[in-house]
N, C-alpha and C. Protein backbone atom coordinates (compact mmCIF):
# COMPACT_ATOMS: atom_id res chain seq x y z
N MET A 1 0.93 -1.11 0.00
CA MET A 1 -0.15 0.23 -0.02
C MET A 1 0.56 1.26 0.11
N TRP A 2 0.58 2.11 -1.12
CA TRP A 2 1.25 3.30 -1.02
C TRP A 2 0.96 4.46 0.21
N ALA A 3 1.84 5.26 0.71
CA ALA A 3 1.43 6.30 1.57
C ALA A 3 0.94 7.53 0.72
N LYS A 4 -0.29 8.14 1.10
CA LYS A 4 -0.81 9.15 0.31
C LYS A 4 -1.24 10.43 1.31
N THR A 5 -1.24 11.71 0.59
CA THR A 5 -1.70 12.85 1.54
C THR A 5 -2.46 13.66 0.38
N ASP A 6 -3.47 14.51 1.28
CA ASP A 6 -4.13 15.46 0.43
C ASP A 6 -3.46 16.56 0.24
N VAL A 7 -3.76 17.09 -1.02
CA VAL A 7 -3.04 18.49 -1.07
C VAL A 7 -4.06 19.51 -1.91
N GLN A 8 -4.25 20.63 -1.48
CA GLN A 8 -5.50 21.65 -1.72
C GLN A 8 -5.05 21.92 -3.13
N CYS A 9 -6.00 22.35 -3.99
CA CYS A 9 -5.64 22.91 -5.41
C CYS A 9 -6.32 24.35 -5.28
N VAL A 10 -5.46 25.01 -5.96
CA VAL A 10 -5.81 26.36 -6.11
C VAL A 10 -6.04 26.78 -7.68
N GLY A 11 -7.10 27.08 -8.16
CA GLY A 11 -7.35 27.43 -9.57
C GLY A 11 -7.84 26.38 -10.34
N GLY A 12 -7.87 26.22 -11.52
CA GLY A 12 -8.13 25.20 -12.47
C GLY A 12 -9.26 24.55 -12.52
N PRO A 13 -9.59 23.42 -12.93
CA PRO A 13 -10.74 22.63 -13.14
C PRO A 13 -11.27 22.35 -11.76
N VAL A 14 -10.15 21.86 -10.41
CA VAL A 14 -10.69 21.33 -9.55
C VAL A 14 -10.45 22.39 -8.23
N ASP A 15 -10.60 23.62 -8.52
CA ASP A 15 -10.28 24.53 -7.66
C ASP A 15 -10.87 24.60 -6.27
N GLY A 16 -10.23 24.47 -4.99
CA GLY A 16 -10.83 24.24 -3.83
C GLY A 16 -10.72 22.85 -3.58
N ARG A 17 -10.68 21.95 -4.36
CA ARG A 17 -10.88 20.66 -3.81
C ARG A 17 -9.53 20.00 -3.41
N CYS A 18 -9.24 18.99 -2.64
CA CYS A 18 -7.96 18.37 -2.23
C CYS A 18 -7.70 17.06 -3.05
N LEU A 19 -6.53 17.20 -3.81
CA LEU A 19 -6.22 15.84 -4.32
C LEU A 19 -5.45 14.74 -3.27
N LEU A 20 -5.94 13.49 -3.33
CA LEU A 20 -5.15 12.36 -2.83
C LEU A 20 -4.12 12.05 -3.50
N VAL A 21 -2.90 12.05 -3.28
CA VAL A 21 -1.95 11.75 -4.27
C VAL A 21 -0.82 10.94 -3.20
N PRO A 22 -0.12 10.12 -4.08
CA PRO A 22 0.94 9.44 -3.20
C PRO A 22 2.20 10.22 -3.04
N ILE A 23 2.91 9.93 -2.10
CA ILE A 23 4.04 10.51 -1.61
C ILE A 23 5.34 9.79 -1.95
N ASP A 24 6.31 10.40 -2.08
CA ASP A 24 7.49 9.44 -2.44
C ASP A 24 8.20 9.07 -1.23
N GLU A 25 9.56 8.29 -1.06
CA GLU A 25 10.28 8.20 0.07
C GLU A 25 10.71 9.02 1.06
N ASN A 26 10.80 10.54 0.44
CA ASN A 26 10.97 11.75 1.17
C ASN A 26 9.66 12.44 1.86
N GLY A 27 8.48 11.71 1.35
CA GLY A 27 7.05 12.28 2.04
C GLY A 27 6.87 13.35 1.11
N ALA A 28 7.14 13.73 -0.09
CA ALA A 28 6.81 14.73 -0.91
C ALA A 28 5.76 14.11 -1.97
N PRO A 29 4.56 15.03 -2.05
CA PRO A 29 4.07 14.74 -3.40
C PRO A 29 4.37 14.86 -4.51
N PRO A 30 3.97 14.58 -5.58
CA PRO A 30 4.16 14.50 -7.25
C PRO A 30 4.65 16.21 -7.45
N GLU A 31 5.55 16.59 -8.29
CA GLU A 31 5.72 18.28 -8.57
C GLU A 31 4.76 18.52 -9.38
N ARG A 32 4.10 17.89 -10.01
CA ARG A 32 3.24 18.04 -11.24
C ARG A 32 2.07 17.14 -11.35
N ILE A 33 0.71 17.63 -11.51
CA ILE A 33 -0.34 16.85 -11.73
C ILE A 33 -0.81 17.23 -12.95
N ASP A 34 -0.74 16.10 -14.15
CA ASP A 34 -1.27 16.55 -15.30
C ASP A 34 -2.73 16.34 -15.76
N GLN A 35 -3.02 16.70 -16.97
CA GLN A 35 -4.30 16.46 -17.58
C GLN A 35 -4.75 14.71 -17.31
N THR A 36 -3.72 13.89 -17.67
CA THR A 36 -3.87 12.52 -17.62
C THR A 36 -4.27 12.09 -16.25
N TRP A 37 -3.97 12.44 -15.46
CA TRP A 37 -4.03 12.24 -13.83
C TRP A 37 -5.31 12.71 -13.52
N LEU A 38 -5.82 13.94 -14.06
CA LEU A 38 -7.01 14.69 -13.54
C LEU A 38 -8.03 13.90 -14.24
N TRP A 39 -8.17 13.66 -15.58
CA TRP A 39 -9.26 12.80 -16.20
C TRP A 39 -9.56 11.42 -15.52
N THR A 40 -8.20 10.84 -15.35
CA THR A 40 -8.49 9.46 -14.67
C THR A 40 -9.25 9.32 -13.24
N GLU A 41 -8.62 10.41 -12.70
CA GLU A 41 -9.54 10.68 -11.19
C GLU A 41 -10.96 11.45 -11.09
N TYR A 42 -11.34 12.27 -12.26
CA TYR A 42 -12.38 12.88 -12.21
C TYR A 42 -13.48 12.99 -13.28
N GLY A 43 -12.79 12.40 -14.42
CA GLY A 43 -13.35 11.69 -15.94
C GLY A 43 -14.40 12.83 -16.17
N GLY A 44 -15.87 12.24 -16.31
CA GLY A 44 -16.72 13.20 -16.98
C GLY A 44 -17.02 14.34 -16.06
N GLU A 45 -16.78 14.69 -14.87
CA GLU A 45 -16.89 15.96 -14.34
C GLU A 45 -16.08 17.27 -14.74
N LEU A 46 -15.10 16.68 -15.64
CA LEU A 46 -14.33 17.64 -16.05
C LEU A 46 -14.75 18.27 -17.87
N LEU A 47 -15.73 17.50 -18.17
CA LEU A 47 -16.02 17.67 -19.63
C LEU A 47 -16.19 19.14 -20.25
N ASP A 48 -16.77 19.87 -19.23
CA ASP A 48 -16.60 21.56 -19.42
C ASP A 48 -15.48 22.19 -19.08
N ALA A 49 -14.66 21.65 -18.43
CA ALA A 49 -13.66 22.39 -17.81
C ALA A 49 -12.52 22.75 -18.81
N ASP A 50 -11.87 24.06 -18.52
CA ASP A 50 -10.57 24.42 -18.99
C ASP A 50 -9.52 23.50 -18.71
N MET A 51 -9.07 22.56 -19.46
CA MET A 51 -8.05 21.53 -19.27
C MET A 51 -6.69 21.77 -19.83
N ASN A 52 -6.72 23.13 -20.37
CA ASN A 52 -5.25 23.38 -20.92
C ASN A 52 -4.44 23.78 -19.95
N GLY A 53 -3.67 22.83 -19.45
CA GLY A 53 -2.69 23.12 -18.02
C GLY A 53 -2.51 22.33 -17.29
N GLY A 54 -1.94 22.57 -15.99
CA GLY A 54 -1.73 21.30 -15.00
C GLY A 54 -1.41 21.91 -13.63
N TYR A 55 -1.47 21.19 -13.02
CA TYR A 55 -1.14 21.64 -11.37
C TYR A 55 0.18 21.59 -10.92
N GLN A 56 1.02 22.64 -10.47
CA GLN A 56 2.45 22.55 -10.22
C GLN A 56 2.22 22.68 -8.40
N LEU A 57 3.17 21.86 -7.77
CA LEU A 57 3.12 21.95 -6.42
C LEU A 57 4.06 23.21 -5.83
N GLU A 58 3.60 23.52 -4.98
CA GLU A 58 4.15 24.94 -4.09
C GLU A 58 4.16 24.51 -2.70
N SER A 59 5.20 24.71 -1.93
CA SER A 59 5.23 24.84 -0.52
C SER A 59 4.76 25.88 0.02
N ILE A 60 3.85 26.03 0.91
CA ILE A 60 3.34 27.04 1.62
C ILE A 60 4.50 27.82 2.89
N ALA A 61 5.07 26.83 3.06
CA ALA A 61 6.33 27.02 4.34
C ALA A 61 7.39 26.77 4.18
N GLY A 62 7.79 27.33 2.80
CA GLY A 62 9.60 26.90 2.66
C GLY A 62 9.57 25.69 1.89
N GLY A 63 10.36 24.59 2.29
CA GLY A 63 10.78 23.41 1.82
C GLY A 63 9.79 22.32 1.89
N GLY A 64 8.58 22.47 2.70
CA GLY A 64 7.92 21.09 2.83
C GLY A 64 6.60 21.48 3.25
N PRO A 65 5.86 20.32 3.93
CA PRO A 65 4.31 20.50 4.22
C PRO A 65 4.32 22.00 5.20
N PRO A 66 3.21 22.47 4.90
CA PRO A 66 1.88 22.11 3.75
C PRO A 66 2.39 22.72 2.46
N TRP A 67 1.61 21.93 1.74
CA TRP A 67 1.64 22.07 0.04
C TRP A 67 0.38 22.48 -0.85
N VAL A 68 0.44 23.21 -1.79
CA VAL A 68 -0.77 23.44 -2.57
C VAL A 68 -0.48 23.29 -3.94
N TYR A 69 -1.32 22.56 -4.61
CA TYR A 69 -1.15 22.63 -6.02
C TYR A 69 -1.85 23.71 -6.96
N VAL A 70 -1.01 24.56 -7.43
CA VAL A 70 -1.37 25.92 -7.92
C VAL A 70 -1.55 25.63 -9.61
N TRP A 71 -2.77 25.97 -10.30
CA TRP A 71 -2.87 25.62 -11.59
C TRP A 71 -2.12 26.65 -12.55
N THR A 72 -1.20 26.10 -13.42
CA THR A 72 -0.56 26.72 -14.27
C THR A 72 -1.11 26.49 -15.90
N SER A 73 -1.15 27.45 -16.51
CA SER A 73 -1.54 27.32 -17.78
C SER A 73 -0.71 26.97 -19.12
N ALA A 74 -1.24 25.96 -19.88
CA ALA A 74 -0.22 25.41 -20.79
C ALA A 74 -0.03 26.60 -21.98
N LEU A 75 -0.91 27.29 -22.12
CA LEU A 75 -0.79 28.37 -23.13
C LEU A 75 0.06 29.17 -22.89
N PRO A 76 0.79 29.85 -23.73
CA PRO A 76 1.76 30.97 -23.45
C PRO A 76 0.94 32.16 -23.14
N ASP A 77 1.71 33.11 -22.34
CA ASP A 77 0.97 34.29 -21.98
C ASP A 77 1.03 35.19 -23.17
N GLN A 78 -0.30 35.57 -23.37
CA GLN A 78 -0.51 36.63 -24.91
C GLN A 78 0.47 37.88 -24.57
N ARG A 79 0.49 38.38 -23.41
CA ARG A 79 1.28 39.26 -23.33
C ARG A 79 2.85 39.22 -23.47
N SER A 80 3.40 38.25 -23.44
CA SER A 80 4.85 37.97 -23.73
C SER A 80 5.13 37.76 -25.15
N THR A 81 3.87 37.30 -25.67
CA THR A 81 4.06 36.99 -27.09
C THR A 81 3.77 37.89 -28.07
N GLY A 82 3.30 39.21 -27.67
CA GLY A 82 2.82 40.35 -28.33
C GLY A 82 1.62 39.96 -29.08
N GLN A 83 1.00 38.97 -28.68
CA GLN A 83 -0.63 38.77 -29.41
C GLN A 83 -1.49 39.06 -28.20
N GLY A 84 -2.56 39.13 -28.86
CA GLY A 84 -3.86 39.72 -28.06
C GLY A 84 -4.15 41.28 -27.90
N ARG A 85 -3.25 42.06 -29.02
CA ARG A 85 -3.39 43.70 -28.84
C ARG A 85 -4.77 43.89 -29.82
């Protein structure tokens, strides 16, 4: 049996929910949660969600727990590319 922990999500398709994720031998959750993982866990709940991105792990208190997953878009920022004017 793998050890797991709950990590809160900020932004994105599961904003405000906690994801139950496995932890590694150092007690840390995965650095990134991608679309494949989200579809496997939430399937049909995400049909109308913006899935163009993923969750990046961030520590709230420096180098360790507690953590949060923050949504990051897979699309380039239009301001940095000169588009969207």
